[in-house]
PDB file of N, CA and C in Angstrom:
ATOM      1  N   MET A   1      -7.893  -2.824   5.891  1.00  0.00           N
ATOM      2  CA  MET A   1      -7.767  -1.899   4.804  1.00  0.00           C
ATOM      3  C   MET A   1      -8.765  -0.779   5.044  1.00  0.00           C
ATOM      4  N   ALA A   2      -8.332   0.436   4.821  1.00  0.00           N
ATOM      5  CA  ALA A   2      -9.211   1.588   4.960  1.00  0.00           C
ATOM      6  C   ALA A   2      -9.295   2.300   3.622  1.00  0.00           C
ATOM      7  N   THR A   3     -10.459   2.796   3.322  1.00  0.00           N
ATOM      8  CA  THR A   3     -10.650   3.541   2.088  1.00  0.00           C
ATOM      9  C   THR A   3     -10.934   4.987   2.440  1.00  0.00           C
ATOM     10  N   PRO A   4     -10.696   5.896   1.508  1.00  0.00           N
ATOM     11  CA  PRO A   4     -10.882   7.318   1.811  1.00  0.00           C
ATOM     12  C   PRO A   4     -12.353   7.673   2.017  1.00  0.00           C
ATOM     13  N   HIS A   5     -12.569   8.788   2.687  1.00  0.00           N
ATOM     14  CA  HIS A   5     -13.914   9.313   2.874  1.00  0.00           C
ATOM     15  C   HIS A   5     -14.467   9.707   1.515  1.00  0.00           C
ATOM     16  N   LEU A   6     -15.678   9.358   1.261  1.00  0.00           N
ATOM     17  CA  LEU A   6     -16.315   9.716   0.000  1.00  0.00           C
ATOM     18  C   LEU A   6     -17.291  10.851   0.253  1.00  0.00           C
ATOM     19  N   GLY A   7     -16.946  12.051  -0.230  1.00  0.00           N
ATOM     20  CA  GLY A   7     -17.829  13.195  -0.056  1.00  0.00           C
ATOM     21  C   GLY A   7     -19.157  12.973  -0.752  1.00  0.00           C
ATOM     22  N   ALA A   8     -19.110  12.433  -1.951  1.00  0.00           N
ATOM     23  CA  ALA A   8     -20.323  12.117  -2.692  1.00  0.00           C
ATOM     24  C   ALA A   8     -20.480  10.605  -2.657  1.00  0.00           C
ATOM     25  N   ALA A   9     -21.165  10.116  -1.679  1.00  0.00           N
ATOM     26  CA  ALA A   9     -21.260   8.676  -1.463  1.00  0.00           C
ATOM     27  C   ALA A   9     -22.301   8.052  -2.391  1.00  0.00           C
ATOM     28  N   THR A  10     -22.072   8.198  -3.682  1.00  0.00           N
ATOM     29  CA  THR A  10     -22.968   7.585  -4.650  1.00  0.00           C
ATOM     30  C   THR A  10     -22.584   6.127  -4.847  1.00  0.00           C
ATOM     31  N   THR A  11     -23.475   5.378  -5.419  1.00  0.00           N
ATOM     32  CA  THR A  11     -23.190   3.974  -5.698  1.00  0.00           C
ATOM     33  C   THR A  11     -22.007   3.853  -6.639  1.00  0.00           C
ATOM     34  N   GLU A  12     -21.949   4.723  -7.641  1.00  0.00           N
ATOM     35  CA  GLU A  12     -20.843   4.693  -8.602  1.00  0.00           C
ATOM     36  C   GLU A  12     -19.507   4.989  -7.925  1.00  0.00           C
ATOM     37  N   ALA A  13     -19.476   5.985  -7.040  1.00  0.00           N
ATOM     38  CA  ALA A  13     -18.243   6.328  -6.329  1.00  0.00           C
ATOM     39  C   ALA A  13     -17.805   5.167  -5.440  1.00  0.00           C
ATOM     40  N   GLN A  14     -18.719   4.522  -4.764  1.00  0.00           N
ATOM     41  CA  GLN A  14     -18.371   3.391  -3.902  1.00  0.00           C
ATOM     42  C   GLN A  14     -17.854   2.223  -4.724  1.00  0.00           C
ATOM     43  N   GLU A  15     -18.435   1.987  -5.896  1.00  0.00           N
ATOM     44  CA  GLU A  15     -17.949   0.914  -6.768  1.00  0.00           C
ATOM     45  C   GLU A  15     -16.541   1.210  -7.272  1.00  0.00           C
ATOM     46  N   ASN A  16     -16.281   2.480  -7.621  1.00  0.00           N
ATOM     47  CA  ASN A  16     -14.939   2.859  -8.086  1.00  0.00           C
ATOM     48  C   ASN A  16     -13.889   2.657  -7.013  1.00  0.00           C
ATOM     49  N   VAL A  17     -14.207   3.035  -5.773  1.00  0.00           N
ATOM     50  CA  VAL A  17     -13.262   2.846  -4.668  1.00  0.00           C
ATOM     51  C   VAL A  17     -13.023   1.358  -4.433  1.00  0.00           C
ATOM     52  N   ALA A  18     -14.073   0.563  -4.489  1.00  0.00           N
ATOM     53  CA  ALA A  18     -13.925  -0.879  -4.283  1.00  0.00           C
ATOM     54  C   ALA A  18     -13.045  -1.493  -5.376  1.00  0.00           C
ATOM     55  N   CYS A  19     -13.244  -1.083  -6.621  1.00  0.00           N
ATOM     56  CA  CYS A  19     -12.436  -1.608  -7.728  1.00  0.00           C
ATOM     57  C   CYS A  19     -10.978  -1.206  -7.598  1.00  0.00           C
ATOM     58  N   ARG A  20     -10.723   0.053  -7.282  1.00  0.00           N
ATOM     59  CA  ARG A  20      -9.338   0.514  -7.136  1.00  0.00           C
ATOM     60  C   ARG A  20      -8.660  -0.171  -5.962  1.00  0.00           C
ATOM     61  N   SER A  21      -9.379  -0.351  -4.853  1.00  0.00           N
ATOM     62  CA  SER A  21      -8.803  -1.034  -3.694  1.00  0.00           C
ATOM     63  C   SER A  21      -8.462  -2.473  -4.036  1.00  0.00           C
ATOM     64  N   ARG A  22      -9.365  -3.134  -4.749  1.00  0.00           N
ATOM     65  CA  ARG A  22      -9.135  -4.524  -5.141  1.00  0.00           C
ATOM     66  C   ARG A  22      -7.912  -4.632  -6.056  1.00  0.00           C
ATOM     67  N   GLU A  23      -7.805  -3.722  -7.025  1.00  0.00           N
ATOM     68  CA  GLU A  23      -6.669  -3.745  -7.950  1.00  0.00           C
ATOM     69  C   GLU A  23      -5.355  -3.485  -7.217  1.00  0.00           C
ATOM     70  N   GLN A  24      -5.347  -2.538  -6.290  1.00  0.00           N
ATOM     71  CA  GLN A  24      -4.124  -2.226  -5.557  1.00  0.00           C
ATOM     72  C   GLN A  24      -3.720  -3.378  -4.641  1.00  0.00           C
ATOM     73  N   MET A  25      -4.682  -4.044  -4.015  1.00  0.00           N
ATOM     74  CA  MET A  25      -4.370  -5.188  -3.163  1.00  0.00           C
ATOM     75  C   MET A  25      -3.820  -6.331  -4.011  1.00  0.00           C
ATOM     76  N   ALA A  26      -4.415  -6.574  -5.170  1.00  0.00           N
ATOM     77  CA  ALA A  26      -3.932  -7.634  -6.057  1.00  0.00           C
ATOM     78  C   ALA A  26      -2.516  -7.325  -6.542  1.00  0.00           C
ATOM     79  N   ASP A  27      -2.244  -6.053  -6.884  1.00  0.00           N
ATOM     80  CA  ASP A  27      -0.895  -5.670  -7.305  1.00  0.00           C
ATOM     81  C   ASP A  27       0.112  -5.934  -6.198  1.00  0.00           C
ATOM     82  N   PHE A  28      -0.241  -5.588  -4.966  1.00  0.00           N
ATOM     83  CA  PHE A  28       0.672  -5.806  -3.858  1.00  0.00           C
ATOM     84  C   PHE A  28       0.931  -7.296  -3.633  1.00  0.00           C
ATOM     85  N   LEU A  29      -0.127  -8.086  -3.641  1.00  0.00           N
ATOM     86  CA  LEU A  29       0.025  -9.513  -3.357  1.00  0.00           C
ATOM     87  C   LEU A  29       0.748 -10.263  -4.471  1.00  0.00           C
ATOM     88  N   THR A  30       0.607  -9.820  -5.714  1.00  0.00           N
ATOM     89  CA  THR A  30       1.244 -10.531  -6.825  1.00  0.00           C
ATOM     90  C   THR A  30       2.644 -10.033  -7.133  1.00  0.00           C
ATOM     91  N   SER A  31       2.888  -8.721  -6.972  1.00  0.00           N
ATOM     92  CA  SER A  31       4.188  -8.197  -7.392  1.00  0.00           C
ATOM     93  C   SER A  31       4.898  -7.364  -6.339  1.00  0.00           C
ATOM     94  N   GLY A  32       4.229  -7.040  -5.244  1.00  0.00           N
ATOM     95  CA  GLY A  32       4.843  -6.221  -4.211  1.00  0.00           C
ATOM     96  C   GLY A  32       4.710  -4.728  -4.458  1.00  0.00           C
ATOM     97  N   ALA A  33       4.032  -4.347  -5.542  1.00  0.00           N
ATOM     98  CA  ALA A  33       3.849  -2.923  -5.855  1.00  0.00           C
ATOM     99  C   ALA A  33       2.927  -2.285  -4.824  1.00  0.00           C
ATOM    100  N   VAL A  34       3.268  -1.067  -4.382  1.00  0.00           N
ATOM    101  CA  VAL A  34       2.483  -0.351  -3.386  1.00  0.00           C
ATOM    102  C   VAL A  34       2.086   0.994  -3.971  1.00  0.00           C
ATOM    103  N   ALA A  35       0.797   1.311  -3.893  1.00  0.00           N
ATOM    104  CA  ALA A  35       0.318   2.605  -4.378  1.00  0.00           C
ATOM    105  C   ALA A  35      -0.620   3.202  -3.337  1.00  0.00           C
ATOM    106  N   ASN A  36      -0.479   4.486  -3.094  1.00  0.00           N
ATOM    107  CA  ASN A  36      -1.385   5.238  -2.212  1.00  0.00           C
ATOM    108  C   ASN A  36      -1.415   4.732  -0.775  1.00  0.00           C
ATOM    109  N   ALA A  37      -0.306   4.230  -0.280  1.00  0.00           N
ATOM    110  CA  ALA A  37      -0.249   3.802   1.120  1.00  0.00           C
ATOM    111  C   ALA A  37       0.038   5.011   2.004  1.00  0.00           C
ATOM    112  N   ILE A  38      -0.494   4.988   3.192  1.00  0.00           N
ATOM    113  CA  ILE A  38      -0.304   6.109   4.108  1.00  0.00           C
ATOM    114  C   ILE A  38       1.042   6.020   4.811  1.00  0.00           C
ATOM    115  N   ASN A  39       1.454   4.830   5.182  1.00  0.00           N
ATOM    116  CA  ASN A  39       2.635   4.688   6.020  1.00  0.00           C
ATOM    117  C   ASN A  39       3.869   4.172   5.293  1.00  0.00           C
ATOM    118  N   MET A  40       3.890   4.266   3.970  1.00  0.00           N
ATOM    119  CA  MET A  40       5.078   3.905   3.210  1.00  0.00           C
ATOM    120  C   MET A  40       5.014   4.543   1.827  1.00  0.00           C
ATOM    121  N   PRO A  41       6.167   4.738   1.202  1.00  0.00           N
ATOM    122  CA  PRO A  41       6.165   5.373  -0.115  1.00  0.00           C
ATOM    123  C   PRO A  41       5.604   4.447  -1.190  1.00  0.00           C
ATOM    124  N   ALA A  42       5.119   5.047  -2.271  1.00  0.00           N
ATOM    125  CA  ALA A  42       4.646   4.256  -3.408  1.00  0.00           C
ATOM    126  C   ALA A  42       5.837   3.583  -4.075  1.00  0.00           C
ATOM    127  N   LEU A  43       5.707   2.305  -4.392  1.00  0.00           N
ATOM    128  CA  LEU A  43       6.786   1.544  -5.009  1.00  0.00           C
ATOM    129  C   LEU A  43       6.250   0.749  -6.185  1.00  0.00           C
ATOM    130  N   SER A  44       7.008   0.736  -7.268  1.00  0.00           N
ATOM    131  CA  SER A  44       6.670  -0.155  -8.371  1.00  0.00           C
ATOM    132  C   SER A  44       7.120  -1.564  -8.001  1.00  0.00           C
ATOM    133  N   ALA A  45       6.730  -2.538  -8.806  1.00  0.00           N
ATOM    134  CA  ALA A  45       7.113  -3.920  -8.524  1.00  0.00           C
ATOM    135  C   ALA A  45       8.630  -4.076  -8.550  1.00  0.00           C
ATOM    136  N   GLU A  46       9.298  -3.410  -9.492  1.00  0.00           N
ATOM    137  CA  GLU A  46      10.758  -3.492  -9.587  1.00  0.00           C
ATOM    138  C   GLU A  46      11.425  -2.868  -8.366  1.00  0.00           C
ATOM    139  N   GLU A  47      10.918  -1.706  -7.954  1.00  0.00           N
ATOM    140  CA  GLU A  47      11.488  -1.042  -6.785  1.00  0.00           C
ATOM    141  C   GLU A  47      11.258  -1.864  -5.520  1.00  0.00           C
ATOM    142  N   ALA A  48      10.081  -2.463  -5.399  1.00  0.00           N
ATOM    143  CA  ALA A  48       9.778  -3.270  -4.215  1.00  0.00           C
ATOM    144  C   ALA A  48      10.734  -4.445  -4.110  1.00  0.00           C
ATOM    145  N   THR A  49      11.024  -5.085  -5.218  1.00  0.00           N
ATOM    146  CA  THR A  49      11.946  -6.225  -5.208  1.00  0.00           C
ATOM    147  C   THR A  49      13.341  -5.785  -4.785  1.00  0.00           C
ATOM    148  N   ARG A  50      13.779  -4.656  -5.307  1.00  0.00           N
ATOM    149  CA  ARG A  50      15.133  -4.170  -5.022  1.00  0.00           C
ATOM    150  C   ARG A  50      15.254  -3.623  -3.602  1.00  0.00           C
ATOM    151  N   LEU A  51      14.214  -2.976  -3.098  1.00  0.00           N
ATOM    152  CA  LEU A  51      14.299  -2.303  -1.804  1.00  0.00           C
ATOM    153  C   LEU A  51      13.796  -3.131  -0.624  1.00  0.00           C
ATOM    154  N   ASN A  52      13.178  -4.268  -0.876  1.00  0.00           N
ATOM    155  CA  ASN A  52      12.600  -5.074   0.200  1.00  0.00           C
ATOM    156  C   ASN A  52      13.599  -5.418   1.308  1.00  0.00           C
ATOM    157  N   PRO A  53      14.830  -5.836   0.996  1.00  0.00           N
ATOM    158  CA  PRO A  53      15.772  -6.131   2.095  1.00  0.00           C
ATOM    159  C   PRO A  53      16.063  -4.909   2.971  1.00  0.00           C
ATOM    160  N   TYR A  54      16.146  -3.738   2.354  1.00  0.00           N
ATOM    161  CA  TYR A  54      16.418  -2.517   3.122  1.00  0.00           C
ATOM    162  C   TYR A  54      15.211  -2.113   3.959  1.00  0.00           C
ATOM    163  N   MET A  55      14.016  -2.339   3.437  1.00  0.00           N
ATOM    164  CA  MET A  55      12.812  -2.006   4.204  1.00  0.00           C
ATOM    165  C   MET A  55      12.682  -2.923   5.419  1.00  0.00           C
ATOM    166  N   LYS A  56      13.028  -4.191   5.262  1.00  0.00           N
ATOM    167  CA  LYS A  56      13.007  -5.113   6.405  1.00  0.00           C
ATOM    168  C   LYS A  56      14.036  -4.694   7.455  1.00  0.00           C
ATOM    169  N   LEU A  57      15.230  -4.304   6.989  1.00  0.00           N
ATOM    170  CA  LEU A  57      16.257  -3.843   7.911  1.00  0.00           C
ATOM    171  C   LEU A  57      15.788  -2.599   8.661  1.00  0.00           C
ATOM    172  N   ALA A  58      15.187  -1.648   7.961  1.00  0.00           N
ATOM    173  CA  ALA A  58      14.694  -0.420   8.602  1.00  0.00           C
ATOM    174  C   ALA A  58      13.616  -0.736   9.634  1.00  0.00           C
ATOM    175  N   GLU A  59      12.755  -1.694   9.329  1.00  0.00           N
ATOM    176  CA  GLU A  59      11.724  -2.098  10.291  1.00  0.00           C
ATOM    177  C   GLU A  59      12.355  -2.705  11.528  1.00  0.00           C
ATOM    178  N   GLN A  60      13.379  -3.553  11.368  1.00  0.00           N
ATOM    179  CA  GLN A  60      14.039  -4.156  12.516  1.00  0.00           C
ATOM    180  C   GLN A  60      14.794  -3.120  13.347  1.00  0.00           C
ATOM    181  N   LEU A  61      15.447  -2.174  12.680  1.00  0.00           N
ATOM    182  CA  LEU A  61      16.162  -1.126  13.402  1.00  0.00           C
ATOM    183  C   LEU A  61      15.190  -0.241  14.193  1.00  0.00           C
ATOM    184  N   GLY A  62      14.057   0.069  13.578  1.00  0.00           N
ATOM    185  CA  GLY A  62      13.037   0.864  14.277  1.00  0.00           C
ATOM    186  C   GLY A  62      12.490   0.139  15.475  1.00  0.00           C
ATOM    187  N   SER A  63      12.285  -1.157  15.337  1.00  0.00           N
ATOM    188  CA  SER A  63      11.797  -1.964  16.464  1.00  0.00           C
ATOM    189  C   SER A  63      12.838  -1.999  17.575  1.00  0.00           C
ATOM    190  N   PHE A  64      14.097  -2.146  17.208  1.00  0.00           N
ATOM    191  CA  PHE A  64      15.178  -2.169  18.185  1.00  0.00           C
ATOM    192  C   PHE A  64      15.283  -0.829  18.907  1.00  0.00           C
ATOM    193  N   ALA A  65      15.213   0.255  18.152  1.00  0.00           N
ATOM    194  CA  ALA A  65      15.314   1.590  18.759  1.00  0.00           C
ATOM    195  C   ALA A  65      14.122   1.871  19.672  1.00  0.00           C
ATOM    196  N   GLY A  66      12.967   1.309  19.339  1.00  0.00           N
ATOM    197  CA  GLY A  66      11.785   1.532  20.162  1.00  0.00           C
ATOM    198  C   GLY A  66      11.820   0.807  21.501  1.00  0.00           C
ATOM    199  N   ARG A  67      12.673  -0.177  21.603  1.00  0.00           N
ATOM    200  CA  ARG A  67      12.772  -0.930  22.859  1.00  0.00           C
ATOM    201  C   ARG A  67      13.708  -0.225  23.756  1.00  0.00           C
TER     202      ARG A  67
END
């Protein structure tokens, strides 16, 4: 997991980033919701459930095309 560069690297700013990262990881692990990811669109838990089969298919097609 990577966190953004903190221009003002105060203790408070670092704590806020740690809390937000923890909350986003927990959301992903419990419901599949994705927020602020670099390599995929943001998805709510409902969207993740509905789109997961298509995302797996797209990953397999990309892997196949890359070979």
